C-alpha atoms as a PDB file:
ATOM      1  CA  MET A   1      10.530 -53.097 -12.012  1.00  0.00           C
ATOM      2  CA  PRO A   2       8.914 -51.339  -9.059  1.00  0.00           C
ATOM      3  CA  ALA A   3      11.228 -49.841  -6.494  1.00  0.00           C
ATOM      4  CA  SER A   4      11.761 -51.916  -3.407  1.00  0.00           C
ATOM      5  CA  ILE A   5      10.595 -50.509  -0.083  1.00  0.00           C
ATOM      6  CA  ASP A   6      14.156 -49.691   0.975  1.00  0.00           C
ATOM      7  CA  ASP A   7      14.661 -47.484  -2.110  1.00  0.00           C
ATOM      8  CA  LEU A   8      12.145 -45.134  -0.554  1.00  0.00           C
ATOM      9  CA  PHE A   9      12.840 -45.368   3.161  1.00  0.00           C
ATOM     10  CA  ILE A  10      15.575 -45.935   5.695  1.00  0.00           C
ATOM     11  CA  LEU A  11      14.039 -48.836   7.558  1.00  0.00           C
ATOM     12  CA  PRO A  12      13.840 -48.782  11.361  1.00  0.00           C
ATOM     13  CA  PRO A  13      16.174 -51.146  13.218  1.00  0.00           C
ATOM     14  CA  CYS A  14      14.787 -54.593  13.966  1.00  0.00           C
ATOM     15  CA  ALA A  15      15.199 -55.681  17.577  1.00  0.00           C
ATOM     16  CA  GLY A  16      13.789 -59.131  16.877  1.00  0.00           C
ATOM     17  CA  GLU A  17      16.211 -62.037  16.662  1.00  0.00           C
ATOM     18  CA  VAL A  18      16.663 -64.596  13.906  1.00  0.00           C
ATOM     19  CA  ASP A  19      15.865 -67.837  15.703  1.00  0.00           C
ATOM     20  CA  ILE A  20      17.823 -70.833  14.410  1.00  0.00           C
ATOM     21  CA  LEU A  21      15.449 -73.783  14.688  1.00  0.00           C
ATOM     22  CA  HIS A  22      17.676 -76.481  13.160  1.00  0.00           C
ATOM     23  CA  VAL A  23      21.289 -76.725  11.978  1.00  0.00           C
ATOM     24  CA  ASP A  24      22.243 -79.132   9.190  1.00  0.00           C
ATOM     25  CA  SER A  25      25.618 -79.368   7.461  1.00  0.00           C
ATOM     26  CA  ASP A  26      23.916 -78.137   4.266  1.00  0.00           C
ATOM     27  CA  PHE A  27      21.308 -75.657   5.488  1.00  0.00           C
ATOM     28  CA  LEU A  28      19.751 -73.815   8.407  1.00  0.00           C
ATOM     29  CA  LEU A  29      16.074 -73.712   9.271  1.00  0.00           C
ATOM     30  CA  ILE A  30      15.242 -70.384  10.874  1.00  0.00           C
ATOM     31  CA  ASN A  31      12.391 -68.221  12.076  1.00  0.00           C
ATOM     32  CA  LYS A  32      12.488 -64.658  10.732  1.00  0.00           C
ATOM     33  CA  PRO A  33      11.135 -61.847  12.903  1.00  0.00           C
ATOM     34  CA  THR A  34       8.741 -59.326  11.461  1.00  0.00           C
ATOM     35  CA  ARG A  35      10.189 -56.104   9.999  1.00  0.00           C
ATOM     36  CA  LEU A  36      13.526 -57.575   8.927  1.00  0.00           C
ATOM     37  CA  LEU A  37      14.700 -57.859   5.324  1.00  0.00           C
ATOM     38  CA  SER A  38      15.619 -61.294   3.966  1.00  0.00           C
ATOM     39  CA  VAL A  39      18.624 -59.820   2.113  1.00  0.00           C
ATOM     40  CA  PRO A  40      20.372 -56.434   2.469  1.00  0.00           C
ATOM     41  CA  GLY A  41      18.536 -53.535   0.885  1.00  0.00           C
ATOM     42  CA  ARG A  42      19.927 -51.201  -1.742  1.00  0.00           C
ATOM     43  CA  HIS A  43      20.166 -48.294   0.663  1.00  0.00           C
ATOM     44  CA  PRO A  44      23.475 -48.551   2.621  1.00  0.00           C
ATOM     45  CA  GLN A  45      21.632 -48.033   5.898  1.00  0.00           C
ATOM     46  CA  ASN A  46      19.365 -51.000   5.153  1.00  0.00           C
ATOM     47  CA  HIS A  47      22.123 -53.605   5.370  1.00  0.00           C
ATOM     48  CA  ASP A  48      20.615 -55.487   8.313  1.00  0.00           C
ATOM     49  CA  SER A  49      18.921 -58.672   7.095  1.00  0.00           C
ATOM     50  CA  VAL A  50      18.493 -62.371   7.717  1.00  0.00           C
ATOM     51  CA  VAL A  51      21.446 -63.359   5.545  1.00  0.00           C
ATOM     52  CA  SER A  52      23.815 -60.608   6.739  1.00  0.00           C
ATOM     53  CA  ARG A  53      23.196 -61.623  10.364  1.00  0.00           C
ATOM     54  CA  LEU A  54      23.634 -65.331   9.670  1.00  0.00           C
ATOM     55  CA  GLN A  55      26.807 -64.855   7.621  1.00  0.00           C
ATOM     56  CA  LEU A  56      28.576 -63.559  10.735  1.00  0.00           C
ATOM     57  CA  GLU A  57      28.524 -67.125  12.083  1.00  0.00           C
ATOM     58  CA  TYR A  58      27.854 -69.084   8.887  1.00  0.00           C
ATOM     59  CA  PRO A  59      29.862 -67.443   6.045  1.00  0.00           C
ATOM     60  CA  GLY A  60      28.350 -69.769   3.427  1.00  0.00           C
ATOM     61  CA  ALA A  61      24.758 -68.768   4.193  1.00  0.00           C
ATOM     62  CA  SER A  62      22.746 -67.706   1.140  1.00  0.00           C
ATOM     63  CA  ILE A  63      19.103 -67.005   0.336  1.00  0.00           C
ATOM     64  CA  VAL A  64      17.013 -69.362  -1.784  1.00  0.00           C
ATOM     65  CA  HIS A  65      13.615 -67.830  -0.988  1.00  0.00           C
ATOM     66  CA  ARG A  66      12.431 -64.690   0.760  1.00  0.00           C
ATOM     67  CA  LEU A  67       9.775 -63.460   3.100  1.00  0.00           C
ATOM     68  CA  ASP A  68       8.471 -59.904   2.880  1.00  0.00           C
ATOM     69  CA  PHE A  69       9.961 -57.349   5.270  1.00  0.00           C
ATOM     70  CA  ASP A  70       6.774 -57.355   7.376  1.00  0.00           C
ATOM     71  CA  THR A  71       6.183 -61.116   7.274  1.00  0.00           C
ATOM     72  CA  SER A  72       7.568 -63.394   9.982  1.00  0.00           C
ATOM     73  CA  GLY A  73       8.117 -67.117   9.855  1.00  0.00           C
ATOM     74  CA  VAL A  74      10.158 -70.102   8.781  1.00  0.00           C
ATOM     75  CA  MET A  75      12.831 -70.051   6.091  1.00  0.00           C
ATOM     76  CA  ALA A  76      15.398 -72.503   4.741  1.00  0.00           C
ATOM     77  CA  VAL A  77      18.879 -70.989   4.379  1.00  0.00           C
ATOM     78  CA  PRO A  78      21.402 -72.996   2.296  1.00  0.00           C
ATOM     79  CA  LEU A  79      24.974 -73.228   3.578  1.00  0.00           C
ATOM     80  CA  THR A  80      26.530 -74.978   0.553  1.00  0.00           C
ATOM     81  CA  LYS A  81      26.393 -74.624  -3.226  1.00  0.00           C
ATOM     82  CA  LEU A  82      24.843 -78.081  -3.441  1.00  0.00           C
ATOM     83  CA  ALA A  83      22.026 -77.117  -1.096  1.00  0.00           C
ATOM     84  CA  LEU A  84      21.461 -73.787  -2.848  1.00  0.00           C
ATOM     85  CA  SER A  85      21.148 -75.472  -6.244  1.00  0.00           C
ATOM     86  CA  HIS A  86      19.050 -78.391  -5.052  1.00  0.00           C
ATOM     87  CA  ILE A  87      16.569 -76.420  -2.947  1.00  0.00           C
ATOM     88  CA  SER A  88      16.332 -73.714  -5.618  1.00  0.00           C
ATOM     89  CA  LYS A  89      15.289 -76.324  -8.178  1.00  0.00           C
ATOM     90  CA  GLN A  90      12.615 -77.573  -5.778  1.00  0.00           C
ATOM     91  CA  PHE A  91      11.193 -74.058  -5.461  1.00  0.00           C
ATOM     92  CA  GLN A  92      11.250 -73.650  -9.244  1.00  0.00           C
ATOM     93  CA  ALA A  93       9.431 -76.958  -9.661  1.00  0.00           C
ATOM     94  CA  ARG A  94       6.895 -75.894  -6.981  1.00  0.00           C
ATOM     95  CA  SER A  95       7.581 -79.091  -5.071  1.00  0.00           C
ATOM     96  CA  VAL A  96       8.286 -77.172  -1.863  1.00  0.00           C
ATOM     97  CA  SER A  97       5.228 -77.024   0.391  1.00  0.00           C
ATOM     98  CA  LYS A  98       4.640 -73.966   2.566  1.00  0.00           C
ATOM     99  CA  HIS A  99       1.725 -72.669   4.605  1.00  0.00           C
ATOM    100  CA  TYR A 100       0.988 -69.357   6.279  1.00  0.00           C
ATOM    101  CA  THR A 101      -1.270 -68.180   9.085  1.00  0.00           C
ATOM    102  CA  ALA A 102      -3.003 -64.795   8.834  1.00  0.00           C
ATOM    103  CA  VAL A 103      -5.670 -62.807  10.611  1.00  0.00           C
ATOM    104  CA  VAL A 104      -7.933 -60.976   8.174  1.00  0.00           C
ATOM    105  CA  ALA A 105     -10.652 -58.360   8.373  1.00  0.00           C
ATOM    106  CA  GLY A 106     -14.231 -59.526   8.367  1.00  0.00           C
ATOM    107  CA  ILE A 107     -15.943 -62.855   8.881  1.00  0.00           C
ATOM    108  CA  MET A 108     -15.204 -65.172   5.965  1.00  0.00           C
ATOM    109  CA  ALA A 109     -18.362 -66.942   4.827  1.00  0.00           C
ATOM    110  CA  GLN A 110     -16.753 -69.994   3.233  1.00  0.00           C
ATOM    111  CA  ASP A 111     -14.760 -72.503   5.268  1.00  0.00           C
ATOM    112  CA  GLU A 112     -12.313 -72.970   2.404  1.00  0.00           C
ATOM    113  CA  GLY A 113     -11.694 -71.835  -1.134  1.00  0.00           C
ATOM    114  CA  VAL A 114      -9.281 -71.005  -3.920  1.00  0.00           C
ATOM    115  CA  ILE A 115      -8.296 -67.492  -5.027  1.00  0.00           C
ATOM    116  CA  ASP A 116      -7.093 -67.445  -8.631  1.00  0.00           C
ATOM    117  CA  LEU A 117      -6.257 -63.863  -9.638  1.00  0.00           C
ATOM    118  CA  PRO A 118      -3.306 -62.664 -11.782  1.00  0.00           C
ATOM    119  CA  ILE A 119      -0.800 -60.283 -10.175  1.00  0.00           C
ATOM    120  CA  ALA A 120       1.188 -57.524 -11.887  1.00  0.00           C
ATOM    121  CA  SER A 121       3.623 -54.801 -10.835  1.00  0.00           C
ATOM    122  CA  ALA A 122       2.151 -51.441  -9.857  1.00  0.00           C
ATOM    123  CA  GLU A 123       3.631 -48.137  -8.682  1.00  0.00           C
ATOM    124  CA  GLY A 124       6.554 -48.124  -6.251  1.00  0.00           C
ATOM    125  CA  PRO A 125       6.759 -51.236  -4.086  1.00  0.00           C
ATOM    126  CA  ARG A 126       3.127 -52.161  -4.706  1.00  0.00           C
ATOM    127  CA  TYR A 127       1.518 -54.806  -6.880  1.00  0.00           C
ATOM    128  CA  LYS A 128      -2.000 -55.165  -8.260  1.00  0.00           C
ATOM    129  CA  VAL A 129      -4.489 -57.696  -9.512  1.00  0.00           C
ATOM    130  CA  CYS A 130      -4.589 -57.239 -13.288  1.00  0.00           C
ATOM    131  CA  ALA A 131      -6.124 -59.566 -15.872  1.00  0.00           C
ATOM    132  CA  ALA A 132      -4.312 -57.847 -18.755  1.00  0.00           C
ATOM    133  CA  THR A 133      -0.704 -57.909 -17.542  1.00  0.00           C
ATOM    134  CA  GLY A 134      -0.690 -60.074 -14.419  1.00  0.00           C
ATOM    135  CA  LYS A 135       0.993 -63.442 -13.982  1.00  0.00           C
ATOM    136  CA  PRO A 136      -1.162 -66.415 -12.967  1.00  0.00           C
ATOM    137  CA  SER A 137      -1.388 -66.589  -9.163  1.00  0.00           C
ATOM    138  CA  THR A 138      -3.251 -69.099  -7.013  1.00  0.00           C
ATOM    139  CA  THR A 139      -3.857 -69.316  -3.263  1.00  0.00           C
ATOM    140  CA  GLU A 140      -5.780 -71.968  -1.352  1.00  0.00           C
ATOM    141  CA  TYR A 141      -7.265 -70.993   2.003  1.00  0.00           C
ATOM    142  CA  SER A 142      -9.173 -72.542   4.878  1.00  0.00           C
ATOM    143  CA  VAL A 143     -10.695 -70.924   7.956  1.00  0.00           C
ATOM    144  CA  LEU A 144      -9.104 -71.776  11.311  1.00  0.00           C
ATOM    145  CA  ALA A 145     -11.330 -69.619  13.538  1.00  0.00           C
ATOM    146  CA  ARG A 146     -13.820 -66.770  13.377  1.00  0.00           C
ATOM    147  CA  ASP A 147     -13.874 -64.006  16.000  1.00  0.00           C
ATOM    148  CA  GLU A 148     -17.359 -62.509  15.809  1.00  0.00           C
ATOM    149  CA  MET A 149     -16.587 -59.981  18.548  1.00  0.00           C
ATOM    150  CA  ALA A 150     -13.513 -58.573  16.789  1.00  0.00           C
ATOM    151  CA  GLY A 151     -14.936 -59.045  13.310  1.00  0.00           C
ATOM    152  CA  THR A 152     -11.887 -60.985  12.119  1.00  0.00           C
ATOM    153  CA  THR A 153     -11.030 -64.436  10.768  1.00  0.00           C
ATOM    154  CA  ARG A 154      -7.893 -66.538  11.288  1.00  0.00           C
ATOM    155  CA  VAL A 155      -6.971 -68.360   8.081  1.00  0.00           C
ATOM    156  CA  TRP A 156      -4.575 -71.044   6.889  1.00  0.00           C
ATOM    157  CA  LEU A 157      -3.020 -70.160   3.535  1.00  0.00           C
ATOM    158  CA  HIS A 158      -1.347 -72.335   0.911  1.00  0.00           C
ATOM    159  CA  PRO A 159       0.195 -70.300  -1.935  1.00  0.00           C
ATOM    160  CA  ILE A 160       0.427 -72.496  -5.034  1.00  0.00           C
ATOM    161  CA  THR A 161       2.428 -69.772  -6.783  1.00  0.00           C
ATOM    162  CA  GLY A 162       4.903 -67.420  -5.128  1.00  0.00           C
ATOM    163  CA  ARG A 163       4.237 -63.917  -6.444  1.00  0.00           C
ATOM    164  CA  SER A 164       5.332 -60.859  -4.491  1.00  0.00           C
ATOM    165  CA  HIS A 165       2.584 -59.704  -2.113  1.00  0.00           C
ATOM    166  CA  GLN A 166       0.396 -62.564  -3.359  1.00  0.00           C
ATOM    167  CA  LEU A 167      -1.296 -63.395  -0.066  1.00  0.00           C
ATOM    168  CA  ARG A 168      -1.883 -59.755   0.856  1.00  0.00           C
ATOM    169  CA  LEU A 169      -3.363 -58.948  -2.553  1.00  0.00           C
ATOM    170  CA  HIS A 170      -5.481 -62.061  -2.897  1.00  0.00           C
ATOM    171  CA  LEU A 171      -7.099 -61.601   0.496  1.00  0.00           C
ATOM    172  CA  GLN A 172      -7.646 -57.888  -0.083  1.00  0.00           C
ATOM    173  CA  ALA A 173      -9.202 -58.677  -3.475  1.00  0.00           C
ATOM    174  CA  ILE A 174     -11.866 -60.902  -1.915  1.00  0.00           C
ATOM    175  CA  GLY A 175     -12.681 -58.275   0.702  1.00  0.00           C
ATOM    176  CA  HIS A 176     -10.634 -59.606   3.622  1.00  0.00           C
ATOM    177  CA  PRO A 177      -7.353 -57.644   3.909  1.00  0.00           C
ATOM    178  CA  ILE A 178      -4.738 -58.868   6.356  1.00  0.00           C
ATOM    179  CA  LEU A 179      -4.648 -56.845   9.574  1.00  0.00           C
ATOM    180  CA  GLY A 180      -1.667 -54.508   9.847  1.00  0.00           C
ATOM    181  CA  CYS A 181      -1.014 -54.401   6.080  1.00  0.00           C
ATOM    182  CA  GLU A 182       0.137 -50.869   5.279  1.00  0.00           C
ATOM    183  CA  PHE A 183      -0.055 -51.432   1.505  1.00  0.00           C
ATOM    184  CA  TYR A 184      -3.463 -53.020   1.048  1.00  0.00           C
ATOM    185  CA  GLY A 185      -5.085 -52.999   4.490  1.00  0.00           C
ATOM    186  CA  GLY A 186      -7.154 -49.847   4.052  1.00  0.00           C
ATOM    187  CA  ASP A 187      -9.010 -49.055   7.279  1.00  0.00           C
ATOM    188  CA  TRP A 188      -7.494 -52.212   8.812  1.00  0.00           C
ATOM    189  CA  ALA A 189      -3.880 -51.175   8.271  1.00  0.00           C
ATOM    190  CA  LYS A 190      -3.613 -49.889  11.835  1.00  0.00           C
ATOM    191  CA  ALA A 191      -5.755 -52.610  13.402  1.00  0.00           C
ATOM    192  CA  ALA A 192      -2.571 -54.404  14.512  1.00  0.00           C
ATOM    193  CA  THR A 193       0.916 -53.275  15.483  1.00  0.00           C
ATOM    194  CA  ARG A 194       2.418 -55.562  12.831  1.00  0.00           C
ATOM    195  CA  LEU A 195       1.349 -57.414   9.699  1.00  0.00           C
ATOM    196  CA  LEU A 196      -0.528 -60.469  10.942  1.00  0.00           C
ATOM    197  CA  LEU A 197       1.019 -62.863   8.431  1.00  0.00           C
ATOM    198  CA  HIS A 198       3.369 -65.675   9.428  1.00  0.00           C
ATOM    199  CA  ALA A 199       5.053 -68.450   7.426  1.00  0.00           C
ATOM    200  CA  THR A 200       4.025 -71.348   9.648  1.00  0.00           C
ATOM    201  CA  ASP A 201       5.609 -74.382   8.019  1.00  0.00           C
ATOM    202  CA  LEU A 202       7.910 -75.462   5.210  1.00  0.00           C
ATOM    203  CA  SER A 203       8.748 -78.851   3.726  1.00  0.00           C
ATOM    204  CA  PHE A 204      11.206 -79.944   1.047  1.00  0.00           C
ATOM    205  CA  LEU A 205      13.603 -82.786   0.254  1.00  0.00           C
ATOM    206  CA  HIS A 206      17.053 -82.921   1.814  1.00  0.00           C
ATOM    207  CA  PRO A 207      19.639 -81.983  -0.858  1.00  0.00           C
ATOM    208  CA  ARG A 208      21.873 -84.965  -0.055  1.00  0.00           C
ATOM    209  CA  THR A 209      19.627 -87.721   1.264  1.00  0.00           C
ATOM    210  CA  ALA A 210      16.332 -86.850  -0.487  1.00  0.00           C
ATOM    211  CA  GLU A 211      14.600 -87.467   2.848  1.00  0.00           C
ATOM    212  CA  PRO A 212      11.651 -85.185   3.665  1.00  0.00           C
ATOM    213  CA  VAL A 213      12.525 -82.103   5.733  1.00  0.00           C
ATOM    214  CA  PHE A 214       9.738 -80.390   7.680  1.00  0.00           C
ATOM    215  CA  ILE A 215       9.867 -77.364   9.946  1.00  0.00           C
ATOM    216  CA  GLU A 216       7.111 -75.413  11.639  1.00  0.00           C
ATOM    217  CA  SER A 217       6.823 -72.455  13.974  1.00  0.00           C
ATOM    218  CA  ALA A 218       3.608 -71.067  15.414  1.00  0.00           C
ATOM    219  CA  PRO A 219       2.878 -67.342  15.024  1.00  0.00           C
ATOM    220  CA  ASP A 220       3.074 -65.055  18.055  1.00  0.00           C
ATOM    221  CA  PHE A 221      -0.309 -63.505  17.292  1.00  0.00           C
END
C-alpha cells in the first residue's frame, strides 16, 4: 500500500474546529475543517484528528467513513456499536448518498456528465488512473456556475464509488483539476489557499428507526 501523507510529514496544527451539527444518541453529524485528519496518523505528532478530538467528550466515537486531510465537510460519526455496524453496512452497500462541491480549473463545456475511470495506487500517497490495475470508479458531475473571468467552474459531484482521491483524480483526468490540489493540481495547485473540495451533504438511514437522516453544510469558498 502507498504510504499515507503523515508517514512523510509532520502535519501542521489545524486551528479549525470540528463543528457538531447534530447530536443523536447513536451518532454525531459533524463538519470537518480542512487540513485535519479523520483518524490519528501513524506519526506520533500527527495524533490530532476528528475522532481524537471528539472522543474527549464522546468516548464511544468511532469512524465509519473518512474525508481526505485537505477536504472539508460533513461526516457521520457513530457513538455505539450498533450505529457503527449499521452505517458501515450502508456504506458497503453504497446506499449512503453524498455530494461534494468543488471549484475546478477551466470552463467545463458540458453541463453534466459521468466520469468512469479506474483508479489504482501509485507512488507514496498518490493514486493514478490505470486501466490495467485500477478498480472501477465512477463520478457523476453537474455544473453549478462558470466564472469566465477567473477561468474556473463550480461543480456538484456525486461519487458512485468511494476510492481514495477519486474526485481529485477524475477531475484532473478530464482536464479540470480542483483548485488548491497539491497532488494533482499542476499549475492550479497554488491557485487557492486550500483544496476547494467540500463534502456538502450526506444521507443515510437511522440505525435504530430506519428513518432517513440528512445533513448538509455549505462550503466556505
